[in-house]
Amino acid sequence: MIEDDSPTPDTLTAANDNAAAMARIDRAALILARLLGRQMARDAFERLKAANDNRPPDSGGP
């Protein structure tokens, strides 16, 4: 009888097993999204500030 030396199913990995690479990509995408969100918030805050740059008149009487 010929012995079968092929690997058992526990030691096989899928050809498309990209879990580690996808985890790095997911982490990078999350960091990028946070940075973009912060920049968008800064821009929105600047627009509010620039749109309301009129100073009230001095309340000191003559």
PDB file of N, CA and C in Angstrom:
ATOM      1  N   MET A   1       0.834  -1.171   0.000  1.00  0.00           N
ATOM      2  CA  MET A   1       0.000   0.000   0.000  1.00  0.00           C
ATOM      3  C   MET A   1       0.884   1.243   0.000  1.00  0.00           C
ATOM      4  N   ILE A   2       0.518   2.243  -0.788  1.00  0.00           N
ATOM      5  CA  ILE A   2       1.279   3.484  -0.892  1.00  0.00           C
ATOM      6  C   ILE A   2       0.749   4.474   0.141  1.00  0.00           C
ATOM      7  N   GLU A   3       1.694   5.064   0.882  1.00  0.00           N
ATOM      8  CA  GLU A   3       1.283   6.042   1.896  1.00  0.00           C
ATOM      9  C   GLU A   3       1.045   7.398   1.242  1.00  0.00           C
ATOM     10  N   ASP A   4       0.038   8.054   1.724  1.00  0.00           N
ATOM     11  CA  ASP A   4      -0.299   9.380   1.206  1.00  0.00           C
ATOM     12  C   ASP A   4       0.354  10.441   2.097  1.00  0.00           C
ATOM     13  N   ASP A   5       1.314  11.198   1.556  1.00  0.00           N
ATOM     14  CA  ASP A   5       2.018  12.220   2.319  1.00  0.00           C
ATOM     15  C   ASP A   5       1.456  13.620   2.060  1.00  0.00           C
ATOM     16  N   SER A   6       0.301  13.700   1.505  1.00  0.00           N
ATOM     17  CA  SER A   6      -0.270  15.028   1.232  1.00  0.00           C
ATOM     18  C   SER A   6      -0.686  15.682   2.561  1.00  0.00           C
ATOM     19  N   PRO A   7      -0.670  16.988   2.602  1.00  0.00           N
ATOM     20  CA  PRO A   7      -1.001  17.685   3.847  1.00  0.00           C
ATOM     21  C   PRO A   7      -2.457  17.474   4.243  1.00  0.00           C
ATOM     22  N   THR A   8      -2.667  17.506   5.527  1.00  0.00           N
ATOM     23  CA  THR A   8      -4.029  17.363   6.022  1.00  0.00           C
ATOM     24  C   THR A   8      -4.778  18.681   5.814  1.00  0.00           C
ATOM     25  N   PRO A   9      -6.082  18.661   5.832  1.00  0.00           N
ATOM     26  CA  PRO A   9      -6.856  19.895   5.615  1.00  0.00           C
ATOM     27  C   PRO A   9      -6.554  20.988   6.642  1.00  0.00           C
ATOM     28  N   ASP A  10      -6.066  20.638   7.832  1.00  0.00           N
ATOM     29  CA  ASP A  10      -5.762  21.649   8.842  1.00  0.00           C
ATOM     30  C   ASP A  10      -4.561  22.503   8.454  1.00  0.00           C
ATOM     31  N   THR A  11      -3.664  21.971   7.652  1.00  0.00           N
ATOM     32  CA  THR A  11      -2.454  22.701   7.299  1.00  0.00           C
ATOM     33  C   THR A  11      -2.563  23.414   5.964  1.00  0.00           C
ATOM     34  N   LEU A  12      -3.654  23.225   5.267  1.00  0.00           N
ATOM     35  CA  LEU A  12      -3.843  23.902   3.985  1.00  0.00           C
ATOM     36  C   LEU A  12      -4.295  25.337   4.201  1.00  0.00           C
ATOM     37  N   THR A  13      -3.819  26.219   3.358  1.00  0.00           N
ATOM     38  CA  THR A  13      -4.310  27.595   3.375  1.00  0.00           C
ATOM     39  C   THR A  13      -4.895  27.909   2.014  1.00  0.00           C
ATOM     40  N   ALA A  14      -5.875  28.737   2.013  1.00  0.00           N
ATOM     41  CA  ALA A  14      -6.528  29.085   0.763  1.00  0.00           C
ATOM     42  C   ALA A  14      -5.598  29.930  -0.101  1.00  0.00           C
ATOM     43  N   ALA A  15      -5.735  29.807  -1.394  1.00  0.00           N
ATOM     44  CA  ALA A  15      -4.897  30.576  -2.310  1.00  0.00           C
ATOM     45  C   ALA A  15      -5.203  32.066  -2.220  1.00  0.00           C
ATOM     46  N   ASN A  16      -6.417  32.412  -1.848  1.00  0.00           N
ATOM     47  CA  ASN A  16      -6.805  33.820  -1.763  1.00  0.00           C
ATOM     48  C   ASN A  16      -6.890  34.297  -0.313  1.00  0.00           C
ATOM     49  N   ASP A  17      -6.081  33.731   0.564  1.00  0.00           N
ATOM     50  CA  ASP A  17      -6.082  34.107   1.966  1.00  0.00           C
ATOM     51  C   ASP A  17      -5.260  35.381   2.140  1.00  0.00           C
ATOM     52  N   ASN A  18      -5.932  36.517   2.083  1.00  0.00           N
ATOM     53  CA  ASN A  18      -5.264  37.808   2.168  1.00  0.00           C
ATOM     54  C   ASN A  18      -5.665  38.535   3.443  1.00  0.00           C
ATOM     55  N   ALA A  19      -5.937  37.833   4.497  1.00  0.00           N
ATOM     56  CA  ALA A  19      -6.453  38.445   5.723  1.00  0.00           C
ATOM     57  C   ALA A  19      -5.468  39.459   6.295  1.00  0.00           C
ATOM     58  N   ALA A  20      -4.191  39.136   6.324  1.00  0.00           N
ATOM     59  CA  ALA A  20      -3.201  40.061   6.888  1.00  0.00           C
ATOM     60  C   ALA A  20      -3.081  41.317   6.036  1.00  0.00           C
ATOM     61  N   ALA A  21      -3.037  41.140   4.740  1.00  0.00           N
ATOM     62  CA  ALA A  21      -2.931  42.290   3.845  1.00  0.00           C
ATOM     63  C   ALA A  21      -4.188  43.154   3.928  1.00  0.00           C
ATOM     64  N   MET A  22      -5.338  42.528   4.008  1.00  0.00           N
ATOM     65  CA  MET A  22      -6.589  43.292   4.093  1.00  0.00           C
ATOM     66  C   MET A  22      -6.683  44.033   5.417  1.00  0.00           C
ATOM     67  N   ALA A  23      -6.159  43.453   6.486  1.00  0.00           N
ATOM     68  CA  ALA A  23      -6.185  44.140   7.778  1.00  0.00           C
ATOM     69  C   ALA A  23      -5.341  45.404   7.716  1.00  0.00           C
ATOM     70  N   ARG A  24      -4.192  45.352   7.053  1.00  0.00           N
ATOM     71  CA  ARG A  24      -3.354  46.543   6.901  1.00  0.00           C
ATOM     72  C   ARG A  24      -4.047  47.595   6.056  1.00  0.00           C
ATOM     73  N   ILE A  25      -4.695  47.160   4.988  1.00  0.00           N
ATOM     74  CA  ILE A  25      -5.405  48.098   4.119  1.00  0.00           C
ATOM     75  C   ILE A  25      -6.572  48.721   4.867  1.00  0.00           C
ATOM     76  N   ASP A  26      -7.310  47.919   5.619  1.00  0.00           N
ATOM     77  CA  ASP A  26      -8.436  48.450   6.394  1.00  0.00           C
ATOM     78  C   ASP A  26      -7.962  49.474   7.414  1.00  0.00           C
ATOM     79  N   ARG A  27      -6.862  49.198   8.076  1.00  0.00           N
ATOM     80  CA  ARG A  27      -6.327  50.114   9.077  1.00  0.00           C
ATOM     81  C   ARG A  27      -5.880  51.418   8.414  1.00  0.00           C
ATOM     82  N   ALA A  28      -5.226  51.321   7.260  1.00  0.00           N
ATOM     83  CA  ALA A  28      -4.778  52.505   6.533  1.00  0.00           C
ATOM     84  C   ALA A  28      -5.976  53.327   6.050  1.00  0.00           C
ATOM     85  N   ALA A  29      -7.014  52.659   5.585  1.00  0.00           N
ATOM     86  CA  ALA A  29      -8.208  53.368   5.124  1.00  0.00           C
ATOM     87  C   ALA A  29      -8.894  54.082   6.279  1.00  0.00           C
ATOM     88  N   LEU A  30      -8.911  53.468   7.448  1.00  0.00           N
ATOM     89  CA  LEU A  30      -9.522  54.094   8.613  1.00  0.00           C
ATOM     90  C   LEU A  30      -8.736  55.330   9.045  1.00  0.00           C
ATOM     91  N   ILE A  31      -7.419  55.242   9.033  1.00  0.00           N
ATOM     92  CA  ILE A  31      -6.589  56.397   9.377  1.00  0.00           C
ATOM     93  C   ILE A  31      -6.805  57.522   8.375  1.00  0.00           C
ATOM     94  N   LEU A  32      -6.841  57.188   7.101  1.00  0.00           N
ATOM     95  CA  LEU A  32      -7.065  58.192   6.064  1.00  0.00           C
ATOM     96  C   LEU A  32      -8.432  58.850   6.218  1.00  0.00           C
ATOM     97  N   ALA A  33      -9.449  58.069   6.514  1.00  0.00           N
ATOM     98  CA  ALA A  33     -10.795  58.619   6.703  1.00  0.00           C
ATOM     99  C   ALA A  33     -10.836  59.566   7.889  1.00  0.00           C
ATOM    100  N   ARG A  34     -10.150  59.215   8.970  1.00  0.00           N
ATOM    101  CA  ARG A  34     -10.110  60.100  10.137  1.00  0.00           C
ATOM    102  C   ARG A  34      -9.416  61.418   9.801  1.00  0.00           C
ATOM    103  N   LEU A  35      -8.296  61.328   9.095  1.00  0.00           N
ATOM    104  CA  LEU A  35      -7.571  62.540   8.715  1.00  0.00           C
ATOM    105  C   LEU A  35      -8.403  63.426   7.806  1.00  0.00           C
ATOM    106  N   LEU A  36      -9.077  62.821   6.848  1.00  0.00           N
ATOM    107  CA  LEU A  36      -9.929  63.597   5.946  1.00  0.00           C
ATOM    108  C   LEU A  36     -11.091  64.232   6.707  1.00  0.00           C
ATOM    109  N   GLY A  37     -11.670  63.505   7.635  1.00  0.00           N
ATOM    110  CA  GLY A  37     -12.767  64.047   8.425  1.00  0.00           C
ATOM    111  C   GLY A  37     -12.321  65.226   9.266  1.00  0.00           C
ATOM    112  N   ARG A  38     -11.145  65.135   9.842  1.00  0.00           N
ATOM    113  CA  ARG A  38     -10.624  66.249  10.640  1.00  0.00           C
ATOM    114  C   ARG A  38     -10.373  67.468   9.766  1.00  0.00           C
ATOM    115  N   GLN A  39      -9.828  67.250   8.573  1.00  0.00           N
ATOM    116  CA  GLN A  39      -9.575  68.372   7.667  1.00  0.00           C
ATOM    117  C   GLN A  39     -10.889  69.009   7.231  1.00  0.00           C
ATOM    118  N   MET A  40     -11.887  68.197   6.960  1.00  0.00           N
ATOM    119  CA  MET A  40     -13.192  68.733   6.569  1.00  0.00           C
ATOM    120  C   MET A  40     -13.796  69.553   7.705  1.00  0.00           C
ATOM    121  N   ALA A  41     -13.628  69.092   8.936  1.00  0.00           N
ATOM    122  CA  ALA A  41     -14.143  69.831  10.087  1.00  0.00           C
ATOM    123  C   ALA A  41     -13.411  71.165  10.231  1.00  0.00           C
ATOM    124  N   ARG A  42     -12.096  71.162  10.032  1.00  0.00           N
ATOM    125  CA  ARG A  42     -11.327  72.417  10.101  1.00  0.00           C
ATOM    126  C   ARG A  42     -11.798  73.393   9.031  1.00  0.00           C
ATOM    127  N   ASP A  43     -11.998  72.894   7.815  1.00  0.00           N
ATOM    128  CA  ASP A  43     -12.456  73.753   6.725  1.00  0.00           C
ATOM    129  C   ASP A  43     -13.834  74.338   7.020  1.00  0.00           C
ATOM    130  N   ALA A  44     -14.734  73.518   7.541  1.00  0.00           N
ATOM    131  CA  ALA A  44     -16.074  73.995   7.869  1.00  0.00           C
ATOM    132  C   ALA A  44     -16.014  75.051   8.961  1.00  0.00           C
ATOM    133  N   PHE A  45     -15.157  74.855   9.946  1.00  0.00           N
ATOM    134  CA  PHE A  45     -15.015  75.824  11.023  1.00  0.00           C
ATOM    135  C   PHE A  45     -14.470  77.141  10.488  1.00  0.00           C
ATOM    136  N   GLU A  46     -13.511  77.079   9.583  1.00  0.00           N
ATOM    137  CA  GLU A  46     -12.960  78.295   8.985  1.00  0.00           C
ATOM    138  C   GLU A  46     -14.017  79.031   8.163  1.00  0.00           C
ATOM    139  N   ARG A  47     -14.857  78.302   7.452  1.00  0.00           N
ATOM    140  CA  ARG A  47     -15.921  78.949   6.672  1.00  0.00           C
ATOM    141  C   ARG A  47     -16.893  79.675   7.588  1.00  0.00           C
ATOM    142  N   LEU A  48     -17.223  79.075   8.726  1.00  0.00           N
ATOM    143  CA  LEU A  48     -18.122  79.735   9.672  1.00  0.00           C
ATOM    144  C   LEU A  48     -17.482  81.006  10.226  1.00  0.00           C
ATOM    145  N   LYS A  49     -16.233  80.910  10.532  1.00  0.00           N
ATOM    146  CA  LYS A  49     -15.517  82.050  11.093  1.00  0.00           C
ATOM    147  C   LYS A  49     -15.391  83.156  10.053  1.00  0.00           C
ATOM    148  N   ALA A  50     -15.071  82.812   8.818  1.00  0.00           N
ATOM    149  CA  ALA A  50     -14.895  83.803   7.762  1.00  0.00           C
ATOM    150  C   ALA A  50     -16.220  84.439   7.373  1.00  0.00           C
ATOM    151  N   ALA A  51     -17.307  83.695   7.447  1.00  0.00           N
ATOM    152  CA  ALA A  51     -18.607  84.233   7.064  1.00  0.00           C
ATOM    153  C   ALA A  51     -19.136  85.208   8.107  1.00  0.00           C
ATOM    154  N   ASN A  52     -18.638  85.140   9.303  1.00  0.00           N
ATOM    155  CA  ASN A  52     -19.135  85.999  10.372  1.00  0.00           C
ATOM    156  C   ASN A  52     -17.973  86.825  10.941  1.00  0.00           C
ATOM    157  N   ASP A  53     -17.259  87.537  10.074  1.00  0.00           N
ATOM    158  CA  ASP A  53     -16.108  88.293  10.544  1.00  0.00           C
ATOM    159  C   ASP A  53     -16.433  89.758  10.828  1.00  0.00           C
ATOM    160  N   ASN A  54     -17.702  90.116  10.736  1.00  0.00           N
ATOM    161  CA  ASN A  54     -18.087  91.489  11.072  1.00  0.00           C
ATOM    162  C   ASN A  54     -18.041  91.672  12.582  1.00  0.00           C
ATOM    163  N   ARG A  55     -17.400  92.712  12.999  1.00  0.00           N
ATOM    164  CA  ARG A  55     -17.326  92.986  14.420  1.00  0.00           C
ATOM    165  C   ARG A  55     -18.468  93.931  14.803  1.00  0.00           C
ATOM    166  N   PRO A  56     -19.021  93.715  15.976  1.00  0.00           N
ATOM    167  CA  PRO A  56     -20.092  94.626  16.396  1.00  0.00           C
ATOM    168  C   PRO A  56     -19.521  96.022  16.651  1.00  0.00           C
ATOM    169  N   PRO A  57     -20.337  97.038  16.412  1.00  0.00           N
ATOM    170  CA  PRO A  57     -19.839  98.414  16.647  1.00  0.00           C
ATOM    171  C   PRO A  57     -19.524  98.599  18.130  1.00  0.00           C
ATOM    172  N   ASP A  58     -18.615  99.530  18.400  1.00  0.00           N
ATOM    173  CA  ASP A  58     -18.269  99.832  19.780  1.00  0.00           C
ATOM    174  C   ASP A  58     -19.501 100.350  20.510  1.00  0.00           C
ATOM    175  N   SER A  59     -19.702  99.844  21.698  1.00  0.00           N
ATOM    176  CA  SER A  59     -20.875 100.271  22.456  1.00  0.00           C
ATOM    177  C   SER A  59     -20.560 101.482  23.329  1.00  0.00           C
ATOM    178  N   GLY A  60     -19.332 101.954  23.275  1.00  0.00           N
ATOM    179  CA  GLY A  60     -18.965 103.123  24.065  1.00  0.00           C
ATOM    180  C   GLY A  60     -19.602 104.391  23.484  1.00  0.00           C
ATOM    181  N   GLY A  61     -20.259 105.162  24.328  1.00  0.00           N
ATOM    182  CA  GLY A  61     -20.958 106.374  23.850  1.00  0.00           C
ATOM    183  C   GLY A  61     -19.996 107.525  23.598  1.00  0.00           C
ATOM    184  N   PRO A  62     -20.478 108.597  22.951  1.00  0.00           N
ATOM    185  CA  PRO A  62     -19.632 109.747  22.627  1.00  0.00           C
ATOM    186  C   PRO A  62     -19.330 110.623  23.833  1.00  0.00           C
TER     187      PRO A  62
END
